[in-house]
Protein backbone atom coordinates (compact mmCIF):
# COMPACT_ATOMS: atom_id res chain seq x y z
CA MET A 1 -11.29 9.84 31.74
CA GLU A 2 -7.57 9.24 31.77
CA THR A 3 -7.72 7.03 28.80
CA LYS A 4 -9.70 9.45 26.75
CA LEU A 5 -7.14 12.20 27.72
CA THR A 6 -4.30 9.89 26.56
CA GLU A 7 -6.11 9.07 23.30
CA ILE A 8 -6.63 12.86 22.61
CA ASN A 9 -2.99 13.64 23.37
CA LEU A 10 -1.86 10.78 20.93
CA LYS A 11 -4.14 12.08 18.21
CA THR A 12 -2.94 15.60 18.77
CA SER A 13 0.75 14.45 18.58
CA LEU A 14 0.02 12.68 15.39
CA ILE A 15 -1.46 15.75 13.80
CA VAL A 16 1.30 17.90 15.04
CA VAL A 17 4.08 15.40 13.64
CA MET A 18 2.26 15.56 10.23
CA ILE A 19 2.02 19.14 10.11
CA LEU A 20 5.67 19.63 11.14
CA SER A 21 6.71 17.23 8.49
CA ILE A 22 4.83 18.82 5.79
CA SER A 23 5.88 22.39 6.86
CA LEU A 24 9.58 21.31 7.07
CA GLY A 25 9.42 19.80 3.70
CA ILE A 26 7.94 23.02 2.23
CA LEU A 27 10.57 25.15 4.20
CA VAL A 28 13.42 23.00 2.83
CA ILE A 29 12.11 23.34 -0.87
CA LEU A 30 11.73 27.15 -0.44
CA TRP A 31 14.91 27.77 1.54
CA GLU A 32 16.85 29.65 -1.14
CA ASN A 33 13.82 31.36 -2.55
CA LEU A 34 12.98 32.82 0.96
CA GLY A 35 16.57 33.94 1.51
CA MET A 36 16.73 32.02 4.85
CA GLY A 37 20.35 30.92 4.59
CA THR A 38 23.74 32.12 3.56
CA THR A 39 24.78 28.96 1.89
CA SER A 40 23.17 27.42 -1.10
CA MET A 41 21.50 24.08 -0.61
CA PRO A 42 21.48 21.84 -3.84
CA LEU A 43 18.01 21.20 -5.18
CA TRP A 44 18.40 17.46 -5.07
CA VAL A 45 19.16 17.63 -1.34
CA LYS A 46 15.93 19.58 -0.71
CA TRP A 47 13.98 16.89 -2.63
CA VAL A 48 15.59 14.11 -0.72
CA ILE A 49 14.65 15.74 2.56
CA LEU A 50 11.15 16.37 1.34
CA LEU A 51 10.71 12.71 0.14
CA PHE A 52 11.93 11.43 3.50
CA LEU A 53 9.28 13.70 5.30
CA PHE A 54 6.59 12.72 3.04
CA ALA A 55 7.32 8.93 3.34
CA PHE A 56 7.73 9.41 7.20
CA ALA A 57 4.18 10.88 7.42
CA ILE A 58 2.71 8.04 5.28
CA GLY A 59 4.60 5.47 7.33
CA ILE A 60 2.91 6.77 10.38
CA ILE A 61 -0.42 6.73 8.82
CA GLY A 62 -0.27 3.38 7.23
CA PRO A 63 -0.29 1.17 10.37
CA LEU A 64 -2.96 3.37 11.94
CA SER A 65 -5.24 3.19 9.10
CA GLY A 66 -4.83 -0.40 7.92
CA VAL A 67 -4.95 0.63 4.27
CA GLY A 68 -1.38 0.29 3.56
CA GLY A 69 1.46 2.90 2.73
CA GLY A 70 1.72 1.87 -0.90
CA VAL A 71 -1.72 2.97 -1.87
CA ILE A 72 -1.48 6.33 -0.08
CA PHE A 73 2.22 7.02 -1.26
CA VAL A 74 1.37 6.41 -4.98
CA GLY A 75 -2.13 7.98 -4.98
CA LEU A 76 -1.15 11.19 -2.99
CA GLY A 77 2.52 11.26 -4.48
CA MET A 78 1.30 11.18 -8.02
CA ALA A 79 -1.24 13.96 -7.22
CA VAL A 80 1.18 16.38 -5.53
CA LEU A 81 4.68 15.47 -6.35
CA PRO A 82 6.29 16.71 -9.71
CA PHE A 83 8.02 13.33 -10.57
CA HIS A 84 7.14 11.15 -13.57
CA VAL A 85 4.52 8.57 -13.01
CA ASP A 86 6.95 5.75 -13.85
CA PHE A 87 9.14 6.77 -11.05
CA MET A 88 6.30 7.22 -8.57
CA ARG A 89 4.98 3.71 -9.38
CA GLY A 90 8.46 2.20 -9.08
CA ALA A 91 8.83 3.98 -5.68
CA GLY A 92 5.41 2.68 -4.64
CA LEU A 93 6.34 -0.91 -5.34
CA VAL A 94 9.54 -0.42 -3.17
CA ALA A 95 7.43 1.12 -0.31
CA ALA A 96 5.05 -1.82 -0.44
CA LEU A 97 7.93 -4.32 -0.71
CA THR A 98 9.77 -2.79 2.28
CA THR A 99 6.71 -3.25 4.47
CA SER A 100 6.05 -6.82 3.51
CA LEU A 101 9.77 -7.88 3.83
CA ASN A 102 9.90 -6.36 7.28
CA SER A 103 6.83 -8.43 8.60
CA ALA A 104 6.67 -11.57 6.32
CA PRO A 105 9.68 -13.45 8.01
CA TYR A 106 8.02 -12.88 11.53
CA PHE A 107 4.72 -14.11 10.47
CA THR A 108 6.23 -17.21 8.65
CA LYS A 109 8.19 -17.96 11.87
CA LYS A 110 5.10 -17.82 13.92
CA GLY A 111 3.21 -20.23 11.56
CA LEU A 112 0.61 -17.60 10.60
CA ALA A 113 1.69 -17.22 6.94
CA ASN A 114 0.45 -20.29 5.16
CA MET A 115 2.57 -21.48 2.21
CA ARG A 116 -0.21 -23.75 0.94
CA VAL A 117 -2.42 -20.84 0.52
CA VAL A 118 0.44 -18.78 -1.05
CA ALA A 119 1.59 -21.16 -3.68
CA PRO A 120 -1.47 -21.45 -5.92
CA LEU A 121 -2.33 -17.71 -5.60
CA VAL A 122 1.14 -16.43 -6.26
CA ALA A 123 1.36 -18.66 -9.24
CA VAL A 124 -1.29 -16.54 -11.05
CA SER A 125 -0.90 -13.16 -9.29
CA THR A 126 2.84 -12.86 -10.04
CA VAL A 127 2.43 -13.44 -13.75
CA PHE A 128 -0.32 -10.85 -13.95
CA SER A 129 1.58 -8.49 -11.76
CA VAL A 130 4.55 -8.65 -14.15
CA PHE A 131 2.18 -8.19 -17.14
CA GLY A 132 0.61 -5.18 -15.28
CA GLY A 133 3.95 -3.59 -14.96
CA VAL A 134 4.79 -4.04 -18.71
CA VAL A 135 1.40 -2.66 -19.79
CA GLY A 136 1.69 0.26 -17.37
CA LEU A 137 5.11 1.31 -18.63
CA TRP A 138 4.05 0.74 -22.20
CA VAL A 139 1.04 2.99 -21.95
CA SER A 140 2.87 5.73 -20.25
CA ASN A 141 5.69 5.77 -22.83
CA ALA A 142 4.11 4.50 -26.19
CA PHE A 143 1.53 7.31 -26.34
CA PRO A 144 2.14 11.07 -26.23
CA GLU A 145 -0.36 11.48 -23.57
CA GLY A 146 0.19 8.13 -21.82
CA SER A 147 1.17 9.38 -18.46
CA TYR A 148 -2.21 11.22 -18.42
CA TYR A 149 -4.01 8.00 -19.21
CA VAL A 150 -2.15 6.38 -16.35
CA LYS A 151 -3.28 9.17 -13.98
CA ILE A 152 -6.85 8.96 -15.09
CA SER A 153 -6.79 5.19 -14.69
CA LEU A 154 -5.23 5.46 -11.23
CA GLY A 155 -7.82 7.97 -10.17
CA VAL A 156 -10.73 5.59 -11.24
CA VAL A 157 -9.09 2.66 -9.35
CA LEU A 158 -8.57 4.65 -6.24
CA LEU A 159 -12.38 5.63 -6.35
CA ILE A 160 -13.29 2.01 -6.82
CA LEU A 161 -10.93 1.02 -3.96
CA LEU A 162 -12.79 3.57 -1.71
CA ALA A 163 -16.04 1.78 -2.44
CA ALA A 164 -14.42 -1.61 -1.61
CA LEU A 165 -12.99 -0.17 1.64
CA ALA A 166 -16.27 1.38 2.74
CA ARG A 167 -18.24 -2.02 2.36
CA SER A 168 -15.58 -4.43 3.42
CA LYS A 169 -16.15 -6.06 6.95
CA ASN A 170 -13.44 -8.43 8.07
CA VAL A 171 -14.39 -11.51 9.96
CA GLU A 172 -12.00 -12.70 12.70
CA TYR A 173 -12.91 -16.34 12.70
CA PRO A 174 -15.16 -17.16 9.46
CA GLN A 175 -17.01 -20.34 9.37
CA VAL A 176 -16.40 -22.31 6.17
CA LYS A 177 -19.75 -24.01 5.37
CA LYS A 178 -18.96 -25.37 1.91
CA ASN A 179 -15.93 -27.40 1.02
CA ASP A 180 -13.84 -26.69 -2.01
CA LYS A 181 -12.69 -29.63 -4.09
CA LEU A 182 -9.49 -27.93 -5.32
CA ALA A 183 -8.69 -26.75 -1.90
CA GLU A 184 -9.18 -30.12 -0.43
CA LEU A 185 -7.09 -31.61 -3.08
CA LEU A 186 -4.21 -29.29 -2.36
CA GLU A 187 -4.81 -29.73 1.54
CA ILE A 188 -5.11 -25.99 2.07
CA ARG A 189 -5.60 -25.93 5.77
CA GLY A 190 -3.71 -24.83 8.86
CA MET A 191 -3.43 -24.35 12.51
CA TRP A 192 -1.80 -21.74 14.93
CA TYR A 193 -1.80 -21.10 18.64
CA GLU A 194 -4.09 -18.06 19.52
CA PRO A 195 -2.86 -16.52 22.81
CA THR A 196 -6.02 -14.46 23.26
CA LEU A 197 -8.05 -17.81 23.26
CA ASN A 198 -5.24 -19.84 24.80
CA LYS A 199 -5.85 -22.61 22.26
CA LEU A 200 -4.96 -24.11 18.96
CA VAL A 201 -7.14 -22.78 16.16
CA ASP A 202 -7.48 -24.74 13.06
CA TYR A 203 -9.00 -23.63 9.68
CA LYS A 204 -9.51 -24.73 6.11
CA ALA A 205 -10.07 -22.71 3.04
CA THR A 206 -12.71 -22.70 0.17
CA ASN A 207 -13.54 -20.93 -3.03
CA LEU A 208 -9.98 -21.36 -4.34
CA PRO A 209 -10.73 -20.96 -8.04
CA LEU A 210 -12.63 -17.88 -7.47
CA ALA A 211 -9.77 -16.47 -5.39
CA MET A 212 -7.29 -17.24 -8.11
CA ILE A 213 -9.34 -15.24 -10.65
CA ALA A 214 -9.54 -12.31 -8.07
CA PHE A 215 -5.83 -12.50 -7.43
CA SER A 216 -4.99 -12.33 -11.09
CA GLY A 217 -6.99 -8.97 -11.31
CA VAL A 218 -5.24 -7.62 -8.30
CA GLY A 219 -1.87 -8.58 -9.36
CA PHE A 220 -2.42 -6.82 -12.64
CA ILE A 221 -3.53 -3.60 -10.92
CA ALA A 222 -0.76 -3.72 -8.43
CA GLY A 223 1.92 -4.15 -11.10
CA MET A 224 0.38 -1.52 -13.36
CA PHE A 225 0.04 1.20 -10.72
CA GLY A 226 2.53 0.23 -8.10
CA LEU A 227 0.08 0.11 -5.33
CA GLY A 228 0.89 -3.08 -3.58
CA ALA A 229 -2.16 -5.22 -3.06
CA GLY A 230 -2.54 -5.59 0.75
CA TRP A 231 -5.98 -3.56 0.50
CA ALA A 232 -7.45 -6.42 -1.68
CA ASN A 233 -5.45 -9.45 -0.50
CA VAL A 234 -6.79 -9.63 2.87
CA PRO A 235 -10.57 -9.32 1.99
CA ILE A 236 -10.23 -12.03 -0.69
CA LEU A 237 -8.46 -14.34 1.69
CA ASN A 238 -10.71 -13.65 4.63
CA LEU A 239 -14.19 -13.09 3.05
CA ILE A 240 -13.96 -15.30 -0.17
CA MET A 241 -11.69 -18.08 1.06
CA GLY A 242 -12.80 -18.07 4.71
CA ILE A 243 -9.41 -17.83 6.28
CA PRO A 244 -9.18 -16.16 9.80
CA LEU A 245 -8.35 -12.46 9.62
CA LYS A 246 -4.91 -12.85 11.50
CA VAL A 247 -3.80 -15.46 9.02
CA SER A 248 -5.13 -13.51 6.14
CA VAL A 249 -3.03 -10.54 7.05
CA ALA A 250 0.02 -12.66 7.68
CA THR A 251 -0.32 -14.60 4.45
CA SER A 252 -1.00 -11.26 2.59
CA MET A 253 2.32 -9.96 3.60
CA LEU A 254 4.11 -13.14 2.23
CA ILE A 255 2.17 -12.84 -1.12
CA LEU A 256 3.25 -9.20 -1.32
CA ALA A 257 6.85 -9.98 -0.83
CA ILE A 258 6.74 -12.33 -3.84
CA ASN A 259 4.47 -10.36 -6.09
CA ASP A 260 6.05 -7.05 -5.66
CA SER A 261 9.51 -8.30 -6.10
CA ALA A 262 8.58 -9.77 -9.48
CA SER A 263 6.70 -6.64 -10.78
CA LEU A 264 9.48 -4.44 -9.40
CA TRP A 265 12.09 -5.84 -11.63
CA VAL A 266 9.96 -4.68 -14.58
CA TYR A 267 10.47 -1.10 -13.41
CA VAL A 268 14.15 -1.68 -12.63
CA SER A 269 14.91 -2.97 -16.15
CA HIS A 270 13.22 0.05 -17.55
CA GLY A 271 15.12 2.48 -15.45
CA ALA A 272 12.04 3.63 -13.57
CA VAL A 273 13.60 2.93 -10.00
CA LEU A 274 15.75 5.88 -9.19
CA PRO A 275 17.91 5.57 -5.94
CA ILE A 276 17.59 9.18 -5.17
CA ILE A 277 13.85 8.67 -4.84
CA ILE A 278 13.58 5.31 -3.19
CA VAL A 279 16.27 5.53 -0.62
CA PRO A 280 14.61 8.51 1.21
CA VAL A 281 11.30 6.72 0.76
CA ILE A 282 12.49 3.45 2.40
CA MET A 283 14.14 5.32 5.19
CA GLY A 284 10.98 7.50 5.83
CA ILE A 285 8.53 4.74 5.83
CA GLY A 286 10.76 2.46 7.77
CA VAL A 287 10.99 5.07 10.61
CA GLY A 288 7.44 6.23 10.38
CA SER A 289 5.94 2.62 10.42
CA ARG A 290 7.70 2.08 13.62
CA ILE A 291 6.09 5.10 15.30
CA GLY A 292 2.78 4.39 13.63
CA SER A 293 2.68 0.57 14.86
CA ARG A 294 3.17 1.83 18.43
CA LEU A 295 0.52 4.43 18.12
CA ALA A 296 -1.91 1.90 16.48
CA ALA A 297 -1.78 -0.14 19.77
CA ARG A 298 -3.07 2.89 21.83
CA THR A 299 -5.57 4.67 19.57
CA ARG A 300 -8.51 3.97 17.52
CA PRO A 301 -7.61 3.19 13.87
CA LYS A 302 -11.06 3.89 12.52
CA ILE A 303 -10.81 7.66 13.00
CA ILE A 304 -7.41 7.77 11.22
CA LYS A 305 -8.75 5.32 8.61
CA ARG A 306 -11.58 7.78 7.82
CA ILE A 307 -8.92 10.56 7.32
CA VAL A 308 -6.92 8.35 4.98
CA ILE A 309 -10.06 7.36 2.98
CA ALA A 310 -10.78 11.15 2.57
CA LEU A 311 -7.00 11.59 1.32
CA ILE A 312 -7.39 8.68 -1.15
CA ALA A 313 -10.71 10.21 -2.45
CA LEU A 314 -9.04 13.52 -2.85
CA SER A 315 -6.02 11.81 -4.50
CA GLY A 316 -8.31 10.01 -6.95
CA VAL A 317 -10.17 13.12 -8.03
CA VAL A 318 -6.93 15.31 -8.29
CA ASN A 319 -5.33 12.52 -10.52
CA ILE A 320 -8.47 12.52 -12.82
CA ILE A 321 -8.43 16.17 -12.98
CA GLN A 322 -4.73 16.31 -13.79
CA GLY A 323 -5.20 13.75 -16.35
CA LEU A 324 -8.09 15.40 -18.09
CA VAL A 325 -6.26 18.82 -17.93
CA GLY A 326 -3.03 17.19 -19.45
CA MET A 327 -5.09 15.70 -22.41
CA GLY A 328 -6.83 19.09 -23.02
CA VAL A 329 -10.35 17.80 -22.00
CA LEU A 330 -10.54 20.49 -19.20
CA ASN A 331 -9.17 23.92 -19.02
CA LEU A 332 -8.28 25.00 -15.54
């Protein structure tokens, strides 16, 4: 009974924090218009505070849902924030990169992130992530309605992502039945000490060619929309390659750190990464993720994940509608 009450209190606290963050953001933006102050606050200061609160709420939700902050930030941000799509995608890559850089060194030190797995997958995904970033910026700037094309494409990708999330089932210790010659040639295997089992767990990978093809597509999508790719990396590593779930998560963080760094430079070189946007985003996600990671250990992520899936569905639909309205297809 006490455990249930604690869980209810944690969920209530989370909802209160989210509501307060959104309410404070709106209050800051409307401060002058409501006449609630004798001094004038610059508009850019209001937006910095709002971005911090927005990223702070997403930072809390990310660890609880397991979906990742980059997907929520870009999907929901492009639907509700007035910034250009290029700036939002650049900020999304920064958000995903911040998360991966915070966790990748720890996972590598613990021996969970496997460099033998990372090397061949990053070789293809990095190239396609850079290509995706170039194509995404070209589409949004080369055509008069390019930003609306990007919004519609993002909405479709988010809805496809929802279908994948709904069907995905992670396997903690998958059994590899069929050996892969290429993976064997590259000696893609590993071992780590699992404290919950009190023993060393060894594993090997399979289906490396299929995984490389999948990672090339994921890298392109991640670079084009600034989503990061943790939502796809883990299922590919876990379900296709047969790598244990804990190793898949750790290796995914290391892959993200390399991929997002490469594709981010495309946005930096085109001036699509603004410090006034990314600094409050980094700070908000950094603080929020610390709170979210602690809440994740004491509550059920499945409930929060359903809420996040609903938010992503809403974001996908809103982005599609905004794109169609901008192109003149819909009149609302």
